């Protein structure tokens, strides 16, 4: 196993394509980045935002399973910060 590696998954939301990358150092996540096909995150409709979060969380679920540890996501929703804890599934 390499000391540094990345998990990358691409997915489509509406007419946009996003690539989510998780950097791992010695098996420990050190950061998450989402890159959009047009360089800057698009303005998403309500339905697309729900789809984005669902797909993002599914990818992060696989990361949580791989590292055997929880992943926490914090979303901004109407001016509030809303945390989501994604636990690994045995």
C-alpha atoms as a PDB file:
ATOM      1  CA  UNK A   1       0.000   0.000   0.000  1.00  0.00           C
ATOM      2  CA  UNK A   2       1.323   3.424  -0.954  1.00  0.00           C
ATOM      3  CA  UNK A   3       1.758   5.971   1.831  1.00  0.00           C
ATOM      4  CA  UNK A   4      -0.088   8.639  -0.178  1.00  0.00           C
ATOM      5  CA  UNK A   5      -3.025   7.975  -2.481  1.00  0.00           C
ATOM      6  CA  UNK A   6      -6.325   9.447  -3.547  1.00  0.00           C
ATOM      7  CA  UNK A   7      -9.813   8.068  -4.001  1.00  0.00           C
ATOM      8  CA  UNK A   8     -11.543   9.782  -6.943  1.00  0.00           C
ATOM      9  CA  UNK A   9     -15.131   9.371  -8.051  1.00  0.00           C
ATOM     10  CA  UNK A  10     -16.966  11.333 -10.737  1.00  0.00           C
ATOM     11  CA  UNK A  11     -20.705  11.893 -10.836  1.00  0.00           C
ATOM     12  CA  UNK A  12     -23.244  13.972 -12.745  1.00  0.00           C
ATOM     13  CA  UNK A  13     -25.638  16.473 -11.217  1.00  0.00           C
ATOM     14  CA  UNK A  14     -28.042  18.020 -13.707  1.00  0.00           C
ATOM     15  CA  UNK A  15     -25.905  19.124 -16.641  1.00  0.00           C
ATOM     16  CA  UNK A  16     -22.724  19.379 -14.562  1.00  0.00           C
ATOM     17  CA  UNK A  17     -20.034  16.826 -13.782  1.00  0.00           C
ATOM     18  CA  UNK A  18     -18.243  16.784 -10.430  1.00  0.00           C
ATOM     19  CA  UNK A  19     -15.202  14.834  -9.304  1.00  0.00           C
ATOM     20  CA  UNK A  20     -14.828  14.179  -5.585  1.00  0.00           C
ATOM     21  CA  UNK A  21     -11.275  13.414  -4.435  1.00  0.00           C
ATOM     22  CA  UNK A  22     -10.219  12.228  -0.985  1.00  0.00           C
ATOM     23  CA  UNK A  23      -6.501  12.440  -0.211  1.00  0.00           C
ATOM     24  CA  UNK A  24      -5.238   9.649   2.075  1.00  0.00           C
ATOM     25  CA  UNK A  25      -1.853   9.669   3.822  1.00  0.00           C
ATOM     26  CA  UNK A  26      -0.943   6.358   5.454  1.00  0.00           C
ATOM     27  CA  UNK A  27      -4.621   5.380   5.180  1.00  0.00           C
ATOM     28  CA  UNK A  28      -5.845   8.512   7.002  1.00  0.00           C
ATOM     29  CA  UNK A  29      -7.957  11.059   5.080  1.00  0.00           C
ATOM     30  CA  UNK A  30      -6.328  14.490   5.011  1.00  0.00           C
ATOM     31  CA  UNK A  31      -8.782  16.367   2.835  1.00  0.00           C
ATOM     32  CA  UNK A  32     -11.686  16.287   0.418  1.00  0.00           C
ATOM     33  CA  UNK A  33     -12.003  18.302  -2.766  1.00  0.00           C
ATOM     34  CA  UNK A  34     -14.869  18.619  -5.231  1.00  0.00           C
ATOM     35  CA  UNK A  35     -13.928  19.857  -8.693  1.00  0.00           C
ATOM     36  CA  UNK A  36     -16.613  20.852 -11.191  1.00  0.00           C
ATOM     37  CA  UNK A  37     -16.363  20.512 -14.963  1.00  0.00           C
ATOM     38  CA  UNK A  38     -16.644  24.275 -15.414  1.00  0.00           C
ATOM     39  CA  UNK A  39     -14.110  25.170 -12.736  1.00  0.00           C
ATOM     40  CA  UNK A  40     -16.508  26.801 -10.280  1.00  0.00           C
ATOM     41  CA  UNK A  41     -19.403  25.147  -8.434  1.00  0.00           C
ATOM     42  CA  UNK A  42     -22.606  25.783 -10.366  1.00  0.00           C
ATOM     43  CA  UNK A  43     -25.774  27.177  -8.877  1.00  0.00           C
ATOM     44  CA  UNK A  44     -27.829  24.035  -8.315  1.00  0.00           C
ATOM     45  CA  UNK A  45     -31.596  23.751  -8.279  1.00  0.00           C
ATOM     46  CA  UNK A  46     -33.168  22.334  -5.114  1.00  0.00           C
ATOM     47  CA  UNK A  47     -33.562  18.934  -6.784  1.00  0.00           C
ATOM     48  CA  UNK A  48     -29.953  18.965  -8.040  1.00  0.00           C
ATOM     49  CA  UNK A  49     -28.668  19.958  -4.596  1.00  0.00           C
ATOM     50  CA  UNK A  50     -30.497  16.969  -3.080  1.00  0.00           C
ATOM     51  CA  UNK A  51     -28.990  14.721  -5.787  1.00  0.00           C
ATOM     52  CA  UNK A  52     -25.481  16.188  -5.231  1.00  0.00           C
ATOM     53  CA  UNK A  53     -25.633  15.570  -1.484  1.00  0.00           C
ATOM     54  CA  UNK A  54     -27.000  12.041  -1.958  1.00  0.00           C
ATOM     55  CA  UNK A  55     -24.263  11.081  -4.425  1.00  0.00           C
ATOM     56  CA  UNK A  56     -21.539  12.822  -2.393  1.00  0.00           C
ATOM     57  CA  UNK A  57     -22.645  11.031   0.770  1.00  0.00           C
ATOM     58  CA  UNK A  58     -22.709   7.669  -1.035  1.00  0.00           C
ATOM     59  CA  UNK A  59     -19.091   8.197  -2.114  1.00  0.00           C
ATOM     60  CA  UNK A  60     -18.105   9.286   1.391  1.00  0.00           C
ATOM     61  CA  UNK A  61     -19.868   6.165   2.738  1.00  0.00           C
ATOM     62  CA  UNK A  62     -17.443   4.045   0.722  1.00  0.00           C
ATOM     63  CA  UNK A  63     -14.555   6.106   2.137  1.00  0.00           C
ATOM     64  CA  UNK A  64     -15.842   5.595   5.697  1.00  0.00           C
ATOM     65  CA  UNK A  65     -16.085   1.859   5.034  1.00  0.00           C
ATOM     66  CA  UNK A  66     -12.551   1.746   3.645  1.00  0.00           C
ATOM     67  CA  UNK A  67     -10.946   3.674   6.507  1.00  0.00           C
ATOM     68  CA  UNK A  68     -13.195   1.995   9.074  1.00  0.00           C
ATOM     69  CA  UNK A  69     -13.993   5.349  10.613  1.00  0.00           C
ATOM     70  CA  UNK A  70     -16.629   8.064  10.507  1.00  0.00           C
ATOM     71  CA  UNK A  71     -16.644  10.878   7.960  1.00  0.00           C
ATOM     72  CA  UNK A  72     -18.261  14.184   8.920  1.00  0.00           C
ATOM     73  CA  UNK A  73     -19.755  16.551   6.348  1.00  0.00           C
ATOM     74  CA  UNK A  74     -20.963  20.052   7.188  1.00  0.00           C
ATOM     75  CA  UNK A  75     -23.434  21.677   4.808  1.00  0.00           C
ATOM     76  CA  UNK A  76     -24.634  25.277   4.794  1.00  0.00           C
ATOM     77  CA  UNK A  77     -28.430  25.251   4.689  1.00  0.00           C
ATOM     78  CA  UNK A  78     -30.347  28.554   4.863  1.00  0.00           C
ATOM     79  CA  UNK A  79     -27.528  30.173   6.829  1.00  0.00           C
ATOM     80  CA  UNK A  80     -27.174  27.267   9.263  1.00  0.00           C
ATOM     81  CA  UNK A  81     -24.378  24.735   9.434  1.00  0.00           C
ATOM     82  CA  UNK A  82     -25.775  21.211   9.340  1.00  0.00           C
ATOM     83  CA  UNK A  83     -23.389  18.361  10.210  1.00  0.00           C
ATOM     84  CA  UNK A  84     -23.866  14.826   8.919  1.00  0.00           C
ATOM     85  CA  UNK A  85     -21.898  11.930  10.386  1.00  0.00           C
ATOM     86  CA  UNK A  86     -21.381   9.020   7.985  1.00  0.00           C
ATOM     87  CA  UNK A  87     -20.508   5.889   9.941  1.00  0.00           C
ATOM     88  CA  UNK A  88     -18.826   2.864   8.377  1.00  0.00           C
ATOM     89  CA  UNK A  89     -21.084  -0.072   7.640  1.00  0.00           C
ATOM     90  CA  UNK A  90     -19.732  -3.446   8.838  1.00  0.00           C
END
